[in-house]
Amino acid sequence: DRDAVEEAIDFLMRQPPLPPLKPDDR
C-alpha cells in the first residue's frame, strides 16, 4: 500500500538509530 510505504518512510526519517539486537539461541 503506497500510503503505508510513505508513512514508513516518514517514520524512518524521524527514527534515531538504535543499538543492534543481540542474538539469543533460546
mmCIF file of all heavy atoms, coordinates in Angstrom:
data_MODEL
# 
_entry.id   MODEL 
# 
loop_
_atom_site.group_PDB 
_atom_site.id 
_atom_site.type_symbol 
_atom_site.label_atom_id 
_atom_site.label_alt_id 
_atom_site.label_comp_id 
_atom_site.label_asym_id 
_atom_site.label_entity_id 
_atom_site.label_seq_id 
_atom_site.pdbx_PDB_ins_code 
_atom_site.Cartn_x 
_atom_site.Cartn_y 
_atom_site.Cartn_z 
_atom_site.occupancy 
_atom_site.B_iso_or_equiv 
_atom_site.pdbx_formal_charge 
_atom_site.auth_seq_id 
_atom_site.auth_comp_id 
_atom_site.auth_asym_id 
_atom_site.auth_atom_id 
_atom_site.pdbx_PDB_model_num 
ATOM 1   N N   . ASP A 1 1  ? 0.849  -1.182  0.000  1.00 0.00 ? 1  ASP A N   1 
ATOM 2   C CA  . ASP A 1 1  ? 0.000  0.000   0.000  1.00 0.00 ? 1  ASP A CA  1 
ATOM 3   C C   . ASP A 1 1  ? 0.892  1.241   0.000  1.00 0.00 ? 1  ASP A C   1 
ATOM 4   O O   . ASP A 1 1  ? 1.714  1.415   0.907  1.00 0.00 ? 1  ASP A O   1 
ATOM 5   C CB  . ASP A 1 1  ? -0.902 -0.040  1.233  1.00 0.00 ? 1  ASP A CB  1 
ATOM 6   C CG  . ASP A 1 1  ? -1.694 1.232   1.423  1.00 0.00 ? 1  ASP A CG  1 
ATOM 7   O OD1 . ASP A 1 1  ? -2.141 1.811   0.413  1.00 0.00 ? 1  ASP A OD1 1 
ATOM 8   O OD2 . ASP A 1 1  ? -1.860 1.659   2.587  1.00 0.00 ? 1  ASP A OD2 1 
ATOM 9   N N   . ARG A 1 2  ? 0.734  2.088   -1.016 1.00 0.00 ? 2  ARG A N   1 
ATOM 10  C CA  . ARG A 1 2  ? 1.608  3.255   -1.170 1.00 0.00 ? 2  ARG A CA  1 
ATOM 11  C C   . ARG A 1 2  ? 1.551  4.170   0.052  1.00 0.00 ? 2  ARG A C   1 
ATOM 12  O O   . ARG A 1 2  ? 2.576  4.700   0.489  1.00 0.00 ? 2  ARG A O   1 
ATOM 13  C CB  . ARG A 1 2  ? 1.272  4.018   -2.438 1.00 0.00 ? 2  ARG A CB  1 
ATOM 14  C CG  . ARG A 1 2  ? 2.260  5.134   -2.713 1.00 0.00 ? 2  ARG A CG  1 
ATOM 15  C CD  . ARG A 1 2  ? 1.972  5.869   -4.014 1.00 0.00 ? 2  ARG A CD  1 
ATOM 16  N NE  . ARG A 1 2  ? 2.969  6.880   -4.253 1.00 0.00 ? 2  ARG A NE  1 
ATOM 17  C CZ  . ARG A 1 2  ? 4.087  6.693   -4.940 1.00 0.00 ? 2  ARG A CZ  1 
ATOM 18  N NH1 . ARG A 1 2  ? 4.341  5.524   -5.472 1.00 0.00 ? 2  ARG A NH1 1 
ATOM 19  N NH2 . ARG A 1 2  ? 4.955  7.673   -5.108 1.00 0.00 ? 2  ARG A NH2 1 
ATOM 20  N N   . ASP A 1 3  ? 0.376  4.360   0.624  1.00 0.00 ? 3  ASP A N   1 
ATOM 21  C CA  . ASP A 1 3  ? 0.260  5.221   1.803  1.00 0.00 ? 3  ASP A CA  1 
ATOM 22  C C   . ASP A 1 3  ? 1.059  4.648   2.971  1.00 0.00 ? 3  ASP A C   1 
ATOM 23  O O   . ASP A 1 3  ? 1.701  5.386   3.720  1.00 0.00 ? 3  ASP A O   1 
ATOM 24  C CB  . ASP A 1 3  ? -1.203 5.389   2.212  1.00 0.00 ? 3  ASP A CB  1 
ATOM 25  C CG  . ASP A 1 3  ? -1.987 6.256   1.242  1.00 0.00 ? 3  ASP A CG  1 
ATOM 26  O OD1 . ASP A 1 3  ? -1.353 7.026   0.479  1.00 0.00 ? 3  ASP A OD1 1 
ATOM 27  O OD2 . ASP A 1 3  ? -3.228 6.173   1.239  1.00 0.00 ? 3  ASP A OD2 1 
ATOM 28  N N   . ALA A 1 4  ? 1.029  3.331   3.126  1.00 0.00 ? 4  ALA A N   1 
ATOM 29  C CA  . ALA A 1 4  ? 1.790  2.689   4.202  1.00 0.00 ? 4  ALA A CA  1 
ATOM 30  C C   . ALA A 1 4  ? 3.290  2.845   3.968  1.00 0.00 ? 4  ALA A C   1 
ATOM 31  O O   . ALA A 1 4  ? 4.060  3.053   4.920  1.00 0.00 ? 4  ALA A O   1 
ATOM 32  C CB  . ALA A 1 4  ? 1.415  1.216   4.319  1.00 0.00 ? 4  ALA A CB  1 
ATOM 33  N N   . VAL A 1 5  ? 3.725  2.738   2.716  1.00 0.00 ? 5  VAL A N   1 
ATOM 34  C CA  . VAL A 1 5  ? 5.147  2.921   2.395  1.00 0.00 ? 5  VAL A CA  1 
ATOM 35  C C   . VAL A 1 5  ? 5.567  4.346   2.714  1.00 0.00 ? 5  VAL A C   1 
ATOM 36  O O   . VAL A 1 5  ? 6.609  4.580   3.355  1.00 0.00 ? 5  VAL A O   1 
ATOM 37  C CB  . VAL A 1 5  ? 5.435  2.585   0.919  1.00 0.00 ? 5  VAL A CB  1 
ATOM 38  C CG1 . VAL A 1 5  ? 6.889  2.889   0.571  1.00 0.00 ? 5  VAL A CG1 1 
ATOM 39  C CG2 . VAL A 1 5  ? 5.118  1.134   0.614  1.00 0.00 ? 5  VAL A CG2 1 
ATOM 40  N N   . GLU A 1 6  ? 4.775  5.321   2.303  1.00 0.00 ? 6  GLU A N   1 
ATOM 41  C CA  . GLU A 1 6  ? 5.120  6.719   2.556  1.00 0.00 ? 6  GLU A CA  1 
ATOM 42  C C   . GLU A 1 6  ? 5.132  7.020   4.054  1.00 0.00 ? 6  GLU A C   1 
ATOM 43  O O   . GLU A 1 6  ? 5.993  7.754   4.542  1.00 0.00 ? 6  GLU A O   1 
ATOM 44  C CB  . GLU A 1 6  ? 4.159  7.639   1.808  1.00 0.00 ? 6  GLU A CB  1 
ATOM 45  C CG  . GLU A 1 6  ? 4.383  7.585   0.308  1.00 0.00 ? 6  GLU A CG  1 
ATOM 46  C CD  . GLU A 1 6  ? 3.366  8.370   -0.488 1.00 0.00 ? 6  GLU A CD  1 
ATOM 47  O OE1 . GLU A 1 6  ? 2.391  8.890   0.106  1.00 0.00 ? 6  GLU A OE1 1 
ATOM 48  O OE2 . GLU A 1 6  ? 3.548  8.471   -1.712 1.00 0.00 ? 6  GLU A OE2 1 
ATOM 49  N N   . GLU A 1 7  ? 4.196  6.422   4.785  1.00 0.00 ? 7  GLU A N   1 
ATOM 50  C CA  . GLU A 1 7  ? 4.171  6.607   6.235  1.00 0.00 ? 7  GLU A CA  1 
ATOM 51  C C   . GLU A 1 7  ? 5.401  5.968   6.884  1.00 0.00 ? 7  GLU A C   1 
ATOM 52  O O   . GLU A 1 7  ? 5.992  6.518   7.812  1.00 0.00 ? 7  GLU A O   1 
ATOM 53  C CB  . GLU A 1 7  ? 2.864  6.013   6.792  1.00 0.00 ? 7  GLU A CB  1 
ATOM 54  C CG  . GLU A 1 7  ? 2.579  6.388   8.225  1.00 0.00 ? 7  GLU A CG  1 
ATOM 55  C CD  . GLU A 1 7  ? 3.010  5.292   9.175  1.00 0.00 ? 7  GLU A CD  1 
ATOM 56  O OE1 . GLU A 1 7  ? 2.982  4.117   8.781  1.00 0.00 ? 7  GLU A OE1 1 
ATOM 57  O OE2 . GLU A 1 7  ? 3.387  5.611   10.296 1.00 0.00 ? 7  GLU A OE2 1 
ATOM 58  N N   . ALA A 1 8  ? 5.828  4.806   6.374  1.00 0.00 ? 8  ALA A N   1 
ATOM 59  C CA  . ALA A 1 8  ? 7.037  4.154   6.882  1.00 0.00 ? 8  ALA A CA  1 
ATOM 60  C C   . ALA A 1 8  ? 8.270  5.009   6.604  1.00 0.00 ? 8  ALA A C   1 
ATOM 61  O O   . ALA A 1 8  ? 9.154  5.131   7.471  1.00 0.00 ? 8  ALA A O   1 
ATOM 62  C CB  . ALA A 1 8  ? 7.196  2.773   6.250  1.00 0.00 ? 8  ALA A CB  1 
ATOM 63  N N   . ILE A 1 9  ? 8.336  5.604   5.435  1.00 0.00 ? 9  ILE A N   1 
ATOM 64  C CA  . ILE A 1 9  ? 9.464  6.482   5.094  1.00 0.00 ? 9  ILE A CA  1 
ATOM 65  C C   . ILE A 1 9  ? 9.524  7.645   6.079  1.00 0.00 ? 9  ILE A C   1 
ATOM 66  O O   . ILE A 1 9  ? 10.591 7.972   6.620  1.00 0.00 ? 9  ILE A O   1 
ATOM 67  C CB  . ILE A 1 9  ? 9.355  6.981   3.640  1.00 0.00 ? 9  ILE A CB  1 
ATOM 68  C CG1 . ILE A 1 9  ? 9.576  5.818   2.667  1.00 0.00 ? 9  ILE A CG1 1 
ATOM 69  C CG2 . ILE A 1 9  ? 10.340 8.122   3.378  1.00 0.00 ? 9  ILE A CG2 1 
ATOM 70  C CD1 . ILE A 1 9  ? 9.189  6.126   1.233  1.00 0.00 ? 9  ILE A CD1 1 
ATOM 71  N N   . ASP A 1 10 ? 8.386  8.271   6.342  1.00 0.00 ? 10 ASP A N   1 
ATOM 72  C CA  . ASP A 1 10 ? 8.326  9.390   7.277  1.00 0.00 ? 10 ASP A CA  1 
ATOM 73  C C   . ASP A 1 10 ? 8.788  8.951   8.674  1.00 0.00 ? 10 ASP A C   1 
ATOM 74  O O   . ASP A 1 10 ? 9.571  9.638   9.333  1.00 0.00 ? 10 ASP A O   1 
ATOM 75  C CB  . ASP A 1 10 ? 6.902  9.952   7.325  1.00 0.00 ? 10 ASP A CB  1 
ATOM 76  C CG  . ASP A 1 10 ? 6.796  11.187  8.182  1.00 0.00 ? 10 ASP A CG  1 
ATOM 77  O OD1 . ASP A 1 10 ? 7.573  12.137  7.961  1.00 0.00 ? 10 ASP A OD1 1 
ATOM 78  O OD2 . ASP A 1 10 ? 5.939  11.206  9.095  1.00 0.00 ? 10 ASP A OD2 1 
ATOM 79  N N   . PHE A 1 11 ? 8.304  7.784   9.113  1.00 0.00 ? 11 PHE A N   1 
ATOM 80  C CA  . PHE A 1 11 ? 8.715  7.245   10.416 1.00 0.00 ? 11 PHE A CA  1 
ATOM 81  C C   . PHE A 1 11 ? 10.229 7.040   10.463 1.00 0.00 ? 11 PHE A C   1 
ATOM 82  O O   . PHE A 1 11 ? 10.902 7.441   11.424 1.00 0.00 ? 11 PHE A O   1 
ATOM 83  C CB  . PHE A 1 11 ? 7.997  5.918   10.679 1.00 0.00 ? 11 PHE A CB  1 
ATOM 84  C CG  . PHE A 1 11 ? 8.537  5.156   11.858 1.00 0.00 ? 11 PHE A CG  1 
ATOM 85  C CD1 . PHE A 1 11 ? 8.033  5.373   13.126 1.00 0.00 ? 11 PHE A CD1 1 
ATOM 86  C CD2 . PHE A 1 11 ? 9.562  4.221   11.705 1.00 0.00 ? 11 PHE A CD2 1 
ATOM 87  C CE1 . PHE A 1 11 ? 8.542  4.682   14.229 1.00 0.00 ? 11 PHE A CE1 1 
ATOM 88  C CE2 . PHE A 1 11 ? 10.068 3.529   12.784 1.00 0.00 ? 11 PHE A CE2 1 
ATOM 89  C CZ  . PHE A 1 11 ? 9.564  3.759   14.053 1.00 0.00 ? 11 PHE A CZ  1 
ATOM 90  N N   . LEU A 1 12 ? 10.779 6.397   9.442  1.00 0.00 ? 12 LEU A N   1 
ATOM 91  C CA  . LEU A 1 12 ? 12.209 6.076   9.419  1.00 0.00 ? 12 LEU A CA  1 
ATOM 92  C C   . LEU A 1 12 ? 13.076 7.325   9.388  1.00 0.00 ? 12 LEU A C   1 
ATOM 93  O O   . LEU A 1 12 ? 14.162 7.350   9.985  1.00 0.00 ? 12 LEU A O   1 
ATOM 94  C CB  . LEU A 1 12 ? 12.523 5.174   8.231  1.00 0.00 ? 12 LEU A CB  1 
ATOM 95  C CG  . LEU A 1 12 ? 11.967 3.758   8.313  1.00 0.00 ? 12 LEU A CG  1 
ATOM 96  C CD1 . LEU A 1 12 ? 12.023 3.080   6.952  1.00 0.00 ? 12 LEU A CD1 1 
ATOM 97  C CD2 . LEU A 1 12 ? 12.709 2.938   9.357  1.00 0.00 ? 12 LEU A CD2 1 
ATOM 98  N N   . MET A 1 13 ? 12.625 8.362   8.690  1.00 0.00 ? 13 MET A N   1 
ATOM 99  C CA  . MET A 1 13 ? 13.403 9.606   8.630  1.00 0.00 ? 13 MET A CA  1 
ATOM 100 C C   . MET A 1 13 ? 13.478 10.284  9.995  1.00 0.00 ? 13 MET A C   1 
ATOM 101 O O   . MET A 1 13 ? 14.442 10.995  10.287 1.00 0.00 ? 13 MET A O   1 
ATOM 102 C CB  . MET A 1 13 ? 12.797 10.560  7.600  1.00 0.00 ? 13 MET A CB  1 
ATOM 103 C CG  . MET A 1 13 ? 13.036 10.112  6.181  1.00 0.00 ? 13 MET A CG  1 
ATOM 104 S SD  . MET A 1 13 ? 14.811 10.070  5.806  1.00 0.00 ? 13 MET A SD  1 
ATOM 105 C CE  . MET A 1 13 ? 14.774 10.163  4.034  1.00 0.00 ? 13 MET A CE  1 
ATOM 106 N N   . ARG A 1 14 ? 12.495 10.062  10.849 1.00 0.00 ? 14 ARG A N   1 
ATOM 107 C CA  . ARG A 1 14 ? 12.484 10.656  12.194 1.00 0.00 ? 14 ARG A CA  1 
ATOM 108 C C   . ARG A 1 14 ? 13.090 9.736   13.251 1.00 0.00 ? 14 ARG A C   1 
ATOM 109 O O   . ARG A 1 14 ? 13.409 10.180  14.355 1.00 0.00 ? 14 ARG A O   1 
ATOM 110 C CB  . ARG A 1 14 ? 11.045 10.991  12.606 1.00 0.00 ? 14 ARG A CB  1 
ATOM 111 C CG  . ARG A 1 14 ? 10.386 12.077  11.803 1.00 0.00 ? 14 ARG A CG  1 
ATOM 112 C CD  . ARG A 1 14 ? 9.034  12.502  12.381 1.00 0.00 ? 14 ARG A CD  1 
ATOM 113 N NE  . ARG A 1 14 ? 8.282  11.442  13.010 1.00 0.00 ? 14 ARG A NE  1 
ATOM 114 C CZ  . ARG A 1 14 ? 7.373  10.665  12.413 1.00 0.00 ? 14 ARG A CZ  1 
ATOM 115 N NH1 . ARG A 1 14 ? 7.113  10.842  11.140 1.00 0.00 ? 14 ARG A NH1 1 
ATOM 116 N NH2 . ARG A 1 14 ? 6.727  9.728   13.075 1.00 0.00 ? 14 ARG A NH2 1 
ATOM 117 N N   . GLN A 1 15 ? 13.244 8.458   12.926 1.00 0.00 ? 15 GLN A N   1 
ATOM 118 C CA  . GLN A 1 15 ? 13.683 7.457   13.897 1.00 0.00 ? 15 GLN A CA  1 
ATOM 119 C C   . GLN A 1 15 ? 15.184 7.582   14.187 1.00 0.00 ? 15 GLN A C   1 
ATOM 120 O O   . GLN A 1 15 ? 16.004 7.507   13.276 1.00 0.00 ? 15 GLN A O   1 
ATOM 121 C CB  . GLN A 1 15 ? 13.385 6.057   13.354 1.00 0.00 ? 15 GLN A CB  1 
ATOM 122 C CG  . GLN A 1 15 ? 13.946 4.916   14.166 1.00 0.00 ? 15 GLN A CG  1 
ATOM 123 C CD  . GLN A 1 15 ? 13.316 4.803   15.547 1.00 0.00 ? 15 GLN A CD  1 
ATOM 124 O OE1 . GLN A 1 15 ? 12.136 5.030   15.725 1.00 0.00 ? 15 GLN A OE1 1 
ATOM 125 N NE2 . GLN A 1 15 ? 14.127 4.445   16.520 1.00 0.00 ? 15 GLN A NE2 1 
ATOM 126 N N   . PRO A 1 16 ? 15.565 7.765   15.465 1.00 0.00 ? 16 PRO A N   1 
ATOM 127 C CA  . PRO A 1 16 ? 17.004 7.783   15.769 1.00 0.00 ? 16 PRO A CA  1 
ATOM 128 C C   . PRO A 1 16 ? 17.583 6.373   15.687 1.00 0.00 ? 16 PRO A C   1 
ATOM 129 O O   . PRO A 1 16 ? 16.863 5.387   15.900 1.00 0.00 ? 16 PRO A O   1 
ATOM 130 C CB  . PRO A 1 16 ? 17.064 8.313   17.207 1.00 0.00 ? 16 PRO A CB  1 
ATOM 131 C CG  . PRO A 1 16 ? 15.720 8.038   17.788 1.00 0.00 ? 16 PRO A CG  1 
ATOM 132 C CD  . PRO A 1 16 ? 14.730 8.033   16.648 1.00 0.00 ? 16 PRO A CD  1 
ATOM 133 N N   . PRO A 1 17 ? 18.858 6.257   15.379 1.00 0.00 ? 17 PRO A N   1 
ATOM 134 C CA  . PRO A 1 17 ? 19.492 4.932   15.351 1.00 0.00 ? 17 PRO A CA  1 
ATOM 135 C C   . PRO A 1 17 ? 19.419 4.261   16.718 1.00 0.00 ? 17 PRO A C   1 
ATOM 136 O O   . PRO A 1 17 ? 19.461 4.920   17.756 1.00 0.00 ? 17 PRO A O   1 
ATOM 137 C CB  . PRO A 1 17 ? 20.945 5.244   14.972 1.00 0.00 ? 17 PRO A CB  1 
ATOM 138 C CG  . PRO A 1 17 ? 20.886 6.564   14.283 1.00 0.00 ? 17 PRO A CG  1 
ATOM 139 C CD  . PRO A 1 17 ? 19.776 7.323   14.957 1.00 0.00 ? 17 PRO A CD  1 
ATOM 140 N N   . LEU A 1 18 ? 19.312 2.948   16.687 1.00 0.00 ? 18 LEU A N   1 
ATOM 141 C CA  . LEU A 1 18 ? 19.229 2.136   17.893 1.00 0.00 ? 18 LEU A CA  1 
ATOM 142 C C   . LEU A 1 18 ? 20.334 1.086   17.886 1.00 0.00 ? 18 LEU A C   1 
ATOM 143 O O   . LEU A 1 18 ? 20.802 0.683   16.824 1.00 0.00 ? 18 LEU A O   1 
ATOM 144 C CB  . LEU A 1 18 ? 17.873 1.430   17.977 1.00 0.00 ? 18 LEU A CB  1 
ATOM 145 C CG  . LEU A 1 18 ? 16.648 2.328   18.129 1.00 0.00 ? 18 LEU A CG  1 
ATOM 146 C CD1 . LEU A 1 18 ? 15.385 1.501   17.977 1.00 0.00 ? 18 LEU A CD1 1 
ATOM 147 C CD2 . LEU A 1 18 ? 16.673 3.041   19.465 1.00 0.00 ? 18 LEU A CD2 1 
ATOM 148 N N   . PRO A 1 19 ? 20.732 0.604   19.061 1.00 0.00 ? 19 PRO A N   1 
ATOM 149 C CA  . PRO A 1 19 ? 21.742 -0.462  19.102 1.00 0.00 ? 19 PRO A CA  1 
ATOM 150 C C   . PRO A 1 19 ? 21.178 -1.751  18.521 1.00 0.00 ? 19 PRO A C   1 
ATOM 151 O O   . PRO A 1 19 ? 19.954 -1.951  18.497 1.00 0.00 ? 19 PRO A O   1 
ATOM 152 C CB  . PRO A 1 19 ? 22.059 -0.613  20.586 1.00 0.00 ? 19 PRO A CB  1 
ATOM 153 C CG  . PRO A 1 19 ? 20.920 0.002   21.311 1.00 0.00 ? 19 PRO A CG  1 
ATOM 154 C CD  . PRO A 1 19 ? 20.311 1.033   20.405 1.00 0.00 ? 19 PRO A CD  1 
ATOM 155 N N   . PRO A 1 20 ? 22.046 -2.621  18.052 1.00 0.00 ? 20 PRO A N   1 
ATOM 156 C CA  . PRO A 1 20 ? 21.577 -3.891  17.487 1.00 0.00 ? 20 PRO A CA  1 
ATOM 157 C C   . PRO A 1 20 ? 20.985 -4.800  18.546 1.00 0.00 ? 20 PRO A C   1 
ATOM 158 O O   . PRO A 1 20 ? 21.336 -4.713  19.725 1.00 0.00 ? 20 PRO A O   1 
ATOM 159 C CB  . PRO A 1 20 ? 22.837 -4.500  16.882 1.00 0.00 ? 20 PRO A CB  1 
ATOM 160 C CG  . PRO A 1 20 ? 23.952 -3.892  17.654 1.00 0.00 ? 20 PRO A CG  1 
ATOM 161 C CD  . PRO A 1 20 ? 23.510 -2.514  18.040 1.00 0.00 ? 20 PRO A CD  1 
ATOM 162 N N   . LEU A 1 21 ? 20.084 -5.659  18.124 1.00 0.00 ? 21 LEU A N   1 
ATOM 163 C CA  . LEU A 1 21 ? 19.548 -6.707  18.983 1.00 0.00 ? 21 LEU A CA  1 
ATOM 164 C C   . LEU A 1 21 ? 20.555 -7.849  19.003 1.00 0.00 ? 21 LEU A C   1 
ATOM 165 O O   . LEU A 1 21 ? 21.044 -8.273  17.958 1.00 0.00 ? 21 LEU A O   1 
ATOM 166 C CB  . LEU A 1 21 ? 18.210 -7.204  18.441 1.00 0.00 ? 21 LEU A CB  1 
ATOM 167 C CG  . LEU A 1 21 ? 17.101 -6.158  18.378 1.00 0.00 ? 21 LEU A CG  1 
ATOM 168 C CD1 . LEU A 1 21 ? 15.945 -6.671  17.534 1.00 0.00 ? 21 LEU A CD1 1 
ATOM 169 C CD2 . LEU A 1 21 ? 16.644 -5.782  19.774 1.00 0.00 ? 21 LEU A CD2 1 
ATOM 170 N N   . LYS A 1 22 ? 20.866 -8.328  20.181 1.00 0.00 ? 22 LYS A N   1 
ATOM 171 C CA  . LYS A 1 22 ? 21.814 -9.434  20.294 1.00 0.00 ? 22 LYS A CA  1 
ATOM 172 C C   . LYS A 1 22 ? 21.080 -10.747 20.034 1.00 0.00 ? 22 LYS A C   1 
ATOM 173 O O   . LYS A 1 22 ? 19.969 -10.953 20.528 1.00 0.00 ? 22 LYS A O   1 
ATOM 174 C CB  . LYS A 1 22 ? 22.449 -9.444  21.679 1.00 0.00 ? 22 LYS A CB  1 
ATOM 175 C CG  . LYS A 1 22 ? 23.295 -8.231  21.939 1.00 0.00 ? 22 LYS A CG  1 
ATOM 176 C CD  . LYS A 1 22 ? 23.853 -8.210  23.328 1.00 0.00 ? 22 LYS A CD  1 
ATOM 177 C CE  . LYS A 1 22 ? 24.615 -6.912  23.544 1.00 0.00 ? 22 LYS A CE  1 
ATOM 178 N NZ  . LYS A 1 22 ? 24.948 -6.725  24.947 1.00 0.00 ? 22 LYS A NZ  1 
ATOM 179 N N   . PRO A 1 23 ? 21.692 -11.638 19.288 1.00 0.00 ? 23 PRO A N   1 
ATOM 180 C CA  . PRO A 1 23 ? 21.046 -12.934 19.031 1.00 0.00 ? 23 PRO A CA  1 
ATOM 181 C C   . PRO A 1 23 ? 21.017 -13.792 20.283 1.00 0.00 ? 23 PRO A C   1 
ATOM 182 O O   . PRO A 1 23 ? 21.966 -13.786 21.072 1.00 0.00 ? 23 PRO A O   1 
ATOM 183 C CB  . PRO A 1 23 ? 21.923 -13.559 17.944 1.00 0.00 ? 23 PRO A CB  1 
ATOM 184 C CG  . PRO A 1 23 ? 23.242 -12.882 18.067 1.00 0.00 ? 23 PRO A CG  1 
ATOM 185 C CD  . PRO A 1 23 ? 22.991 -11.510 18.612 1.00 0.00 ? 23 PRO A CD  1 
ATOM 186 N N   . ASP A 1 24 ? 19.919 -14.490 20.472 1.00 0.00 ? 24 ASP A N   1 
ATOM 187 C CA  . ASP A 1 24 ? 19.771 -15.390 21.614 1.00 0.00 ? 24 ASP A CA  1 
ATOM 188 C C   . ASP A 1 24 ? 19.248 -16.723 21.092 1.00 0.00 ? 24 ASP A C   1 
ATOM 189 O O   . ASP A 1 24 ? 18.180 -16.755 20.452 1.00 0.00 ? 24 ASP A O   1 
ATOM 190 C CB  . ASP A 1 24 ? 18.796 -14.795 22.632 1.00 0.00 ? 24 ASP A CB  1 
ATOM 191 C CG  . ASP A 1 24 ? 18.702 -15.644 23.882 1.00 0.00 ? 24 ASP A CG  1 
ATOM 192 O OD1 . ASP A 1 24 ? 17.932 -16.632 23.878 1.00 0.00 ? 24 ASP A OD1 1 
ATOM 193 O OD2 . ASP A 1 24 ? 19.407 -15.328 24.857 1.00 0.00 ? 24 ASP A OD2 1 
ATOM 194 N N   . ASP A 1 25 ? 19.978 -17.801 21.350 1.00 0.00 ? 25 ASP A N   1 
ATOM 195 C CA  . ASP A 1 25 ? 19.590 -19.094 20.792 1.00 0.00 ? 25 ASP A CA  1 
ATOM 196 C C   . ASP A 1 25 ? 18.297 -19.634 21.397 1.00 0.00 ? 25 ASP A C   1 
ATOM 197 O O   . ASP A 1 25 ? 17.568 -20.374 20.756 1.00 0.00 ? 25 ASP A O   1 
ATOM 198 C CB  . ASP A 1 25 ? 20.729 -20.113 20.889 1.00 0.00 ? 25 ASP A CB  1 
ATOM 199 C CG  . ASP A 1 25 ? 21.226 -20.339 22.307 1.00 0.00 ? 25 ASP A CG  1 
ATOM 200 O OD1 . ASP A 1 25 ? 20.898 -19.543 23.210 1.00 0.00 ? 25 ASP A OD1 1 
ATOM 201 O OD2 . ASP A 1 25 ? 21.966 -21.316 22.508 1.00 0.00 ? 25 ASP A OD2 1 
ATOM 202 N N   . ARG A 1 26 ? 17.964 -19.223 22.620 1.00 0.00 ? 26 ARG A N   1 
ATOM 203 C CA  . ARG A 1 26 ? 16.691 -19.662 23.224 1.00 0.00 ? 26 ARG A CA  1 
ATOM 204 C C   . ARG A 1 26 ? 15.505 -18.986 22.552 1.00 0.00 ? 26 ARG A C   1 
ATOM 205 O O   . ARG A 1 26 ? 14.483 -19.623 22.289 1.00 0.00 ? 26 ARG A O   1 
ATOM 206 C CB  . ARG A 1 26 ? 16.703 -19.389 24.727 1.00 0.00 ? 26 ARG A CB  1 
ATOM 207 C CG  . ARG A 1 26 ? 17.821 -20.148 25.457 1.00 0.00 ? 26 ARG A CG  1 
ATOM 208 C CD  . ARG A 1 26 ? 18.089 -19.567 26.821 1.00 0.00 ? 26 ARG A CD  1 
ATOM 209 N NE  . ARG A 1 26 ? 18.522 -18.179 26.695 1.00 0.00 ? 26 ARG A NE  1 
ATOM 210 C CZ  . ARG A 1 26 ? 18.687 -17.349 27.717 1.00 0.00 ? 26 ARG A CZ  1 
ATOM 211 N NH1 . ARG A 1 26 ? 18.441 -17.760 28.945 1.00 0.00 ? 26 ARG A NH1 1 
ATOM 212 N NH2 . ARG A 1 26 ? 19.092 -16.120 27.533 1.00 0.00 ? 26 ARG A NH2 1 
# 
